[in-house]
PDB file of all heavy atoms in Angstrom:
ATOM      1  N   ALA A   1      17.093  -7.078   4.284  1.00  0.00           N
ATOM      2  CA  ALA A   1      18.487  -7.480   4.510  1.00  0.00           C
ATOM      3  C   ALA A   1      18.731  -7.747   5.992  1.00  0.00           C
ATOM      4  O   ALA A   1      19.483  -8.660   6.355  1.00  0.00           O
ATOM      5  CB  ALA A   1      19.432  -6.387   4.010  1.00  0.00           C
ATOM      6  N   ALA A   2      18.077  -6.958   6.848  1.00  0.00           N
ATOM      7  CA  ALA A   2      18.228  -7.172   8.291  1.00  0.00           C
ATOM      8  C   ALA A   2      17.716  -8.552   8.689  1.00  0.00           C
ATOM      9  O   ALA A   2      18.329  -9.253   9.499  1.00  0.00           O
ATOM     10  CB  ALA A   2      17.493  -6.086   9.064  1.00  0.00           C
ATOM     11  N   ILE A   3      16.576  -8.946   8.095  1.00  0.00           N
ATOM     12  CA  ILE A   3      16.019 -10.264   8.399  1.00  0.00           C
ATOM     13  C   ILE A   3      16.993 -11.357   7.967  1.00  0.00           C
ATOM     14  O   ILE A   3      17.248 -12.322   8.693  1.00  0.00           O
ATOM     15  CB  ILE A   3      14.662 -10.447   7.701  1.00  0.00           C
ATOM     16  CG1 ILE A   3      13.639  -9.479   8.311  1.00  0.00           C
ATOM     17  CG2 ILE A   3      14.167 -11.886   7.815  1.00  0.00           C
ATOM     18  CD1 ILE A   3      12.318  -9.456   7.580  1.00  0.00           C
ATOM     19  N   LEU A   4      17.574 -11.187   6.776  1.00  0.00           N
ATOM     20  CA  LEU A   4      18.448 -12.224   6.221  1.00  0.00           C
ATOM     21  C   LEU A   4      19.813 -12.276   6.902  1.00  0.00           C
ATOM     22  O   LEU A   4      20.395 -13.351   7.050  1.00  0.00           O
ATOM     23  CB  LEU A   4      18.635 -11.985   4.719  1.00  0.00           C
ATOM     24  CG  LEU A   4      17.374 -12.124   3.855  1.00  0.00           C
ATOM     25  CD1 LEU A   4      17.668 -11.707   2.418  1.00  0.00           C
ATOM     26  CD2 LEU A   4      16.871 -13.561   3.894  1.00  0.00           C
ATOM     27  N   LEU A   5      20.336 -11.106   7.316  1.00  0.00           N
ATOM     28  CA  LEU A   5      21.700 -11.042   7.827  1.00  0.00           C
ATOM     29  C   LEU A   5      21.789 -10.995   9.354  1.00  0.00           C
ATOM     30  O   LEU A   5      22.697 -11.571   9.940  1.00  0.00           O
ATOM     31  CB  LEU A   5      22.409  -9.809   7.248  1.00  0.00           C
ATOM     32  CG  LEU A   5      22.541  -9.790   5.726  1.00  0.00           C
ATOM     33  CD1 LEU A   5      23.063  -8.446   5.256  1.00  0.00           C
ATOM     34  CD2 LEU A   5      23.458 -10.912   5.251  1.00  0.00           C
ATOM     35  N   VAL A   6      20.840 -10.282   9.990  1.00  0.00           N
ATOM     36  CA  VAL A   6      20.909 -10.102  11.439  1.00  0.00           C
ATOM     37  C   VAL A   6      20.341 -11.305  12.178  1.00  0.00           C
ATOM     38  O   VAL A   6      20.910 -11.759  13.172  1.00  0.00           O
ATOM     39  CB  VAL A   6      20.163  -8.811  11.860  1.00  0.00           C
ATOM     40  CG1 VAL A   6      20.152  -8.667  13.372  1.00  0.00           C
ATOM     41  CG2 VAL A   6      20.810  -7.592  11.213  1.00  0.00           C
ATOM     42  N   ARG A   7      19.221 -11.832  11.692  1.00  0.00           N
ATOM     43  CA  ARG A   7      18.526 -12.892  12.430  1.00  0.00           C
ATOM     44  C   ARG A   7      19.389 -14.124  12.689  1.00  0.00           C
ATOM     45  O   ARG A   7      19.393 -14.633  13.804  1.00  0.00           O
ATOM     46  CB  ARG A   7      17.234 -13.272  11.713  1.00  0.00           C
ATOM     47  CG  ARG A   7      16.421 -14.313  12.471  1.00  0.00           C
ATOM     48  CD  ARG A   7      15.088 -14.576  11.819  1.00  0.00           C
ATOM     49  NE  ARG A   7      14.195 -13.442  11.953  1.00  0.00           N
ATOM     50  CZ  ARG A   7      12.953 -13.427  11.510  1.00  0.00           C
ATOM     51  NH1 ARG A   7      12.466 -14.493  10.884  1.00  0.00           N
ATOM     52  NH2 ARG A   7      12.187 -12.369  11.687  1.00  0.00           N
ATOM     53  N   PRO A   8      20.154 -14.628  11.702  1.00  0.00           N
ATOM     54  CA  PRO A   8      20.984 -15.808  11.999  1.00  0.00           C
ATOM     55  C   PRO A   8      21.981 -15.563  13.131  1.00  0.00           C
ATOM     56  O   PRO A   8      22.180 -16.432  13.990  1.00  0.00           O
ATOM     57  CB  PRO A   8      21.702 -16.082  10.670  1.00  0.00           C
ATOM     58  CG  PRO A   8      20.811 -15.490   9.642  1.00  0.00           C
ATOM     59  CD  PRO A   8      20.224 -14.269  10.273  1.00  0.00           C
ATOM     60  N   ALA A   9      22.599 -14.370  13.136  1.00  0.00           N
ATOM     61  CA  ALA A   9      23.543 -14.051  14.208  1.00  0.00           C
ATOM     62  C   ALA A   9      22.826 -13.926  15.546  1.00  0.00           C
ATOM     63  O   ALA A   9      23.324 -14.371  16.583  1.00  0.00           O
ATOM     64  CB  ALA A   9      24.278 -12.746  13.884  1.00  0.00           C
ATOM     65  N   LEU A  10      21.632 -13.353  15.513  1.00  0.00           N
ATOM     66  CA  LEU A  10      20.846 -13.180  16.734  1.00  0.00           C
ATOM     67  C   LEU A  10      20.432 -14.535  17.296  1.00  0.00           C
ATOM     68  O   LEU A  10      20.534 -14.788  18.499  1.00  0.00           O
ATOM     69  CB  LEU A  10      19.617 -12.330  16.423  1.00  0.00           C
ATOM     70  CG  LEU A  10      18.953 -11.578  17.577  1.00  0.00           C
ATOM     71  CD1 LEU A  10      19.928 -10.652  18.244  1.00  0.00           C
ATOM     72  CD2 LEU A  10      17.761 -10.801  17.058  1.00  0.00           C
ATOM     73  N   PHE A  11      19.980 -15.420  16.438  1.00  0.00           N
ATOM     74  CA  PHE A  11      19.549 -16.739  16.881  1.00  0.00           C
ATOM     75  C   PHE A  11      20.721 -17.557  17.426  1.00  0.00           C
ATOM     76  O   PHE A  11      20.546 -18.389  18.309  1.00  0.00           O
ATOM     77  CB  PHE A  11      18.885 -17.491  15.735  1.00  0.00           C
ATOM     78  CG  PHE A  11      17.446 -17.099  15.509  1.00  0.00           C
ATOM     79  CD1 PHE A  11      16.959 -15.879  15.942  1.00  0.00           C
ATOM     80  CD2 PHE A  11      16.571 -17.949  14.848  1.00  0.00           C
ATOM     81  CE1 PHE A  11      15.648 -15.508  15.739  1.00  0.00           C
ATOM     82  CE2 PHE A  11      15.240 -17.595  14.636  1.00  0.00           C
ATOM     83  CZ  PHE A  11      14.787 -16.365  15.090  1.00  0.00           C
ATOM     84  N   ALA A  12      21.915 -17.303  16.873  1.00  0.00           N
ATOM     85  CA  ALA A  12      23.100 -18.028  17.338  1.00  0.00           C
ATOM     86  C   ALA A  12      23.670 -17.448  18.629  1.00  0.00           C
ATOM     87  O   ALA A  12      24.605 -18.024  19.205  1.00  0.00           O
ATOM     88  CB  ALA A  12      24.170 -18.019  16.252  1.00  0.00           C
ATOM     89  N   GLY A  13      23.128 -16.319  19.072  1.00  0.00           N
ATOM     90  CA  GLY A  13      23.640 -15.685  20.286  1.00  0.00           C
ATOM     91  C   GLY A  13      24.875 -14.846  20.055  1.00  0.00           C
ATOM     92  O   GLY A  13      25.554 -14.456  21.007  1.00  0.00           O
ATOM     93  N   ASP A  14      25.184 -14.542  18.790  1.00  0.00           N
ATOM     94  CA  ASP A  14      26.346 -13.697  18.471  1.00  0.00           C
ATOM     95  C   ASP A  14      25.849 -12.259  18.348  1.00  0.00           C
ATOM     96  O   ASP A  14      25.618 -11.740  17.254  1.00  0.00           O
ATOM     97  CB  ASP A  14      26.980 -14.171  17.161  1.00  0.00           C
ATOM     98  CG  ASP A  14      28.320 -13.500  16.881  1.00  0.00           C
ATOM     99  OD1 ASP A  14      28.634 -12.495  17.564  1.00  0.00           O
ATOM    100  OD2 ASP A  14      29.053 -13.970  15.990  1.00  0.00           O
ATOM    101  N   TYR A  15      25.689 -11.601  19.490  1.00  0.00           N
ATOM    102  CA  TYR A  15      25.050 -10.286  19.519  1.00  0.00           C
ATOM    103  C   TYR A  15      25.916  -9.188  18.910  1.00  0.00           C
ATOM    104  O   TYR A  15      25.389  -8.239  18.327  1.00  0.00           O
ATOM    105  CB  TYR A  15      24.666  -9.944  20.954  1.00  0.00           C
ATOM    106  CG  TYR A  15      23.816 -11.022  21.595  1.00  0.00           C
ATOM    107  CD1 TYR A  15      24.205 -11.646  22.785  1.00  0.00           C
ATOM    108  CD2 TYR A  15      22.649 -11.459  20.978  1.00  0.00           C
ATOM    109  CE1 TYR A  15      23.438 -12.654  23.350  1.00  0.00           C
ATOM    110  CE2 TYR A  15      21.874 -12.467  21.536  1.00  0.00           C
ATOM    111  CZ  TYR A  15      22.281 -13.065  22.715  1.00  0.00           C
ATOM    112  OH  TYR A  15      21.528 -14.074  23.258  1.00  0.00           O
ATOM    113  N   GLU A  16      27.226  -9.310  19.026  1.00  0.00           N
ATOM    114  CA  GLU A  16      28.100  -8.284  18.445  1.00  0.00           C
ATOM    115  C   GLU A  16      28.046  -8.331  16.928  1.00  0.00           C
ATOM    116  O   GLU A  16      28.003  -7.287  16.271  1.00  0.00           O
ATOM    117  CB  GLU A  16      29.535  -8.479  18.947  1.00  0.00           C
ATOM    118  CG  GLU A  16      29.699  -8.250  20.442  1.00  0.00           C
ATOM    119  CD  GLU A  16      29.105  -6.923  20.897  1.00  0.00           C
ATOM    120  OE1 GLU A  16      29.375  -5.895  20.235  1.00  0.00           O
ATOM    121  OE2 GLU A  16      28.364  -6.899  21.892  1.00  0.00           O
ATOM    122  N   ARG A  17      28.035  -9.528  16.348  1.00  0.00           N
ATOM    123  CA  ARG A  17      27.929  -9.630  14.894  1.00  0.00           C
ATOM    124  C   ARG A  17      26.581  -9.101  14.431  1.00  0.00           C
ATOM    125  O   ARG A  17      26.498  -8.409  13.409  1.00  0.00           O
ATOM    126  CB  ARG A  17      28.120 -11.086  14.457  1.00  0.00           C
ATOM    127  CG  ARG A  17      28.006 -11.305  12.947  1.00  0.00           C
ATOM    128  CD  ARG A  17      28.664 -12.616  12.529  1.00  0.00           C
ATOM    129  NE  ARG A  17      28.028 -13.767  13.120  1.00  0.00           N
ATOM    130  CZ  ARG A  17      27.087 -14.488  12.520  1.00  0.00           C
ATOM    131  NH1 ARG A  17      26.679 -14.165  11.289  1.00  0.00           N
ATOM    132  NH2 ARG A  17      26.562 -15.551  13.101  1.00  0.00           N
ATOM    133  N   ALA A  18      25.521  -9.421  15.164  1.00  0.00           N
ATOM    134  CA  ALA A  18      24.196  -8.910  14.813  1.00  0.00           C
ATOM    135  C   ALA A  18      24.169  -7.387  14.845  1.00  0.00           C
ATOM    136  O   ALA A  18      23.607  -6.742  13.948  1.00  0.00           O
ATOM    137  CB  ALA A  18      23.156  -9.479  15.776  1.00  0.00           C
ATOM    138  N   MET A  19      24.788  -6.796  15.861  1.00  0.00           N
ATOM    139  CA  MET A  19      24.804  -5.334  15.970  1.00  0.00           C
ATOM    140  C   MET A  19      25.620  -4.700  14.847  1.00  0.00           C
ATOM    141  O   MET A  19      25.246  -3.636  14.326  1.00  0.00           O
ATOM    142  CB  MET A  19      25.369  -4.920  17.331  1.00  0.00           C
ATOM    143  CG  MET A  19      25.283  -3.427  17.597  1.00  0.00           C
ATOM    144  SD  MET A  19      23.565  -2.837  17.639  1.00  0.00           S
ATOM    145  CE  MET A  19      23.055  -3.423  19.258  1.00  0.00           C
ATOM    146  N   ARG A  20      26.699  -5.341  14.441  1.00  0.00           N
ATOM    147  CA  ARG A  20      27.490  -4.790  13.330  1.00  0.00           C
ATOM    148  C   ARG A  20      26.657  -4.719  12.054  1.00  0.00           C
ATOM    149  O   ARG A  20      26.743  -3.735  11.309  1.00  0.00           O
ATOM    150  CB  ARG A  20      28.749  -5.641  13.102  1.00  0.00           C
ATOM    151  CG  ARG A  20      29.848  -5.424  14.135  1.00  0.00           C
ATOM    152  CD  ARG A  20      31.179  -5.959  13.650  1.00  0.00           C
ATOM    153  NE  ARG A  20      31.154  -7.397  13.420  1.00  0.00           N
ATOM    154  CZ  ARG A  20      31.421  -8.316  14.357  1.00  0.00           C
ATOM    155  NH1 ARG A  20      31.708  -7.935  15.577  1.00  0.00           N
ATOM    156  NH2 ARG A  20      31.399  -9.599  14.055  1.00  0.00           N
ATOM    157  N   TRP A  21      25.845  -5.744  11.800  1.00  0.00           N
ATOM    158  CA  TRP A  21      24.996  -5.719  10.609  1.00  0.00           C
ATOM    159  C   TRP A  21      23.964  -4.601  10.697  1.00  0.00           C
ATOM    160  O   TRP A  21      23.690  -3.910   9.697  1.00  0.00           O
ATOM    161  CB  TRP A  21      24.300  -7.069  10.435  1.00  0.00           C
ATOM    162  CG  TRP A  21      25.149  -8.089   9.740  1.00  0.00           C
ATOM    163  CD1 TRP A  21      25.564  -9.292  10.231  1.00  0.00           C
ATOM    164  CD2 TRP A  21      25.687  -8.000   8.410  1.00  0.00           C
ATOM    165  NE1 TRP A  21      26.322  -9.959   9.305  1.00  0.00           N
ATOM    166  CE2 TRP A  21      26.411  -9.183   8.170  1.00  0.00           C
ATOM    167  CE3 TRP A  21      25.618  -7.032   7.408  1.00  0.00           C
ATOM    168  CZ2 TRP A  21      27.060  -9.425   6.964  1.00  0.00           C
ATOM    169  CZ3 TRP A  21      26.270  -7.266   6.202  1.00  0.00           C
ATOM    170  CH2 TRP A  21      26.985  -8.451   5.990  1.00  0.00           C
ATOM    171  N   VAL A  22      23.380  -4.400  11.878  1.00  0.00           N
ATOM    172  CA  VAL A  22      22.394  -3.322  12.038  1.00  0.00           C
ATOM    173  C   VAL A  22      23.036  -1.973  11.749  1.00  0.00           C
ATOM    174  O   VAL A  22      22.465  -1.126  11.045  1.00  0.00           O
ATOM    175  CB  VAL A  22      21.793  -3.339  13.457  1.00  0.00           C
ATOM    176  CG1 VAL A  22      20.994  -2.067  13.729  1.00  0.00           C
ATOM    177  CG2 VAL A  22      20.891  -4.554  13.632  1.00  0.00           C
ATOM    178  N   ARG A  23      24.220  -1.742  12.286  1.00  0.00           N
ATOM    179  CA  ARG A  23      24.904  -0.461  12.083  1.00  0.00           C
ATOM    180  C   ARG A  23      25.261  -0.256  10.599  1.00  0.00           C
ATOM    181  O   ARG A  23      25.187   0.858  10.077  1.00  0.00           O
ATOM    182  CB  ARG A  23      26.162  -0.418  12.948  1.00  0.00           C
ATOM    183  CG  ARG A  23      25.856  -0.467  14.455  1.00  0.00           C
ATOM    184  CD  ARG A  23      25.438   0.892  14.982  1.00  0.00           C
ATOM    185  NE  ARG A  23      24.815   0.815  16.278  1.00  0.00           N
ATOM    186  CZ  ARG A  23      25.460   0.661  17.447  1.00  0.00           C
ATOM    187  NH1 ARG A  23      26.766   0.516  17.467  1.00  0.00           N
ATOM    188  NH2 ARG A  23      24.784   0.631  18.575  1.00  0.00           N
ATOM    189  N   ARG A  24      25.665  -1.338   9.933  1.00  0.00           N
ATOM    190  CA  ARG A  24      26.008  -1.212   8.508  1.00  0.00           C
ATOM    191  C   ARG A  24      24.793  -0.865   7.664  1.00  0.00           C
ATOM    192  O   ARG A  24      24.888  -0.106   6.686  1.00  0.00           O
ATOM    193  CB  ARG A  24      26.623  -2.524   8.007  1.00  0.00           C
ATOM    194  CG  ARG A  24      28.031  -2.780   8.518  1.00  0.00           C
ATOM    195  CD  ARG A  24      28.451  -4.209   8.227  1.00  0.00           C
ATOM    196  NE  ARG A  24      29.766  -4.505   8.777  1.00  0.00           N
ATOM    197  CZ  ARG A  24      30.270  -5.729   8.891  1.00  0.00           C
ATOM    198  NH1 ARG A  24      29.547  -6.774   8.486  1.00  0.00           N
ATOM    199  NH2 ARG A  24      31.472  -5.920   9.399  1.00  0.00           N
TER     200      ARG A  24
END
């Protein structure tokens, strides 16, 4: 799920959204 949900936000440079997914 991290690969599917975090990576797109990370690649887009949206680090806060990526971190929210990691915490969830």
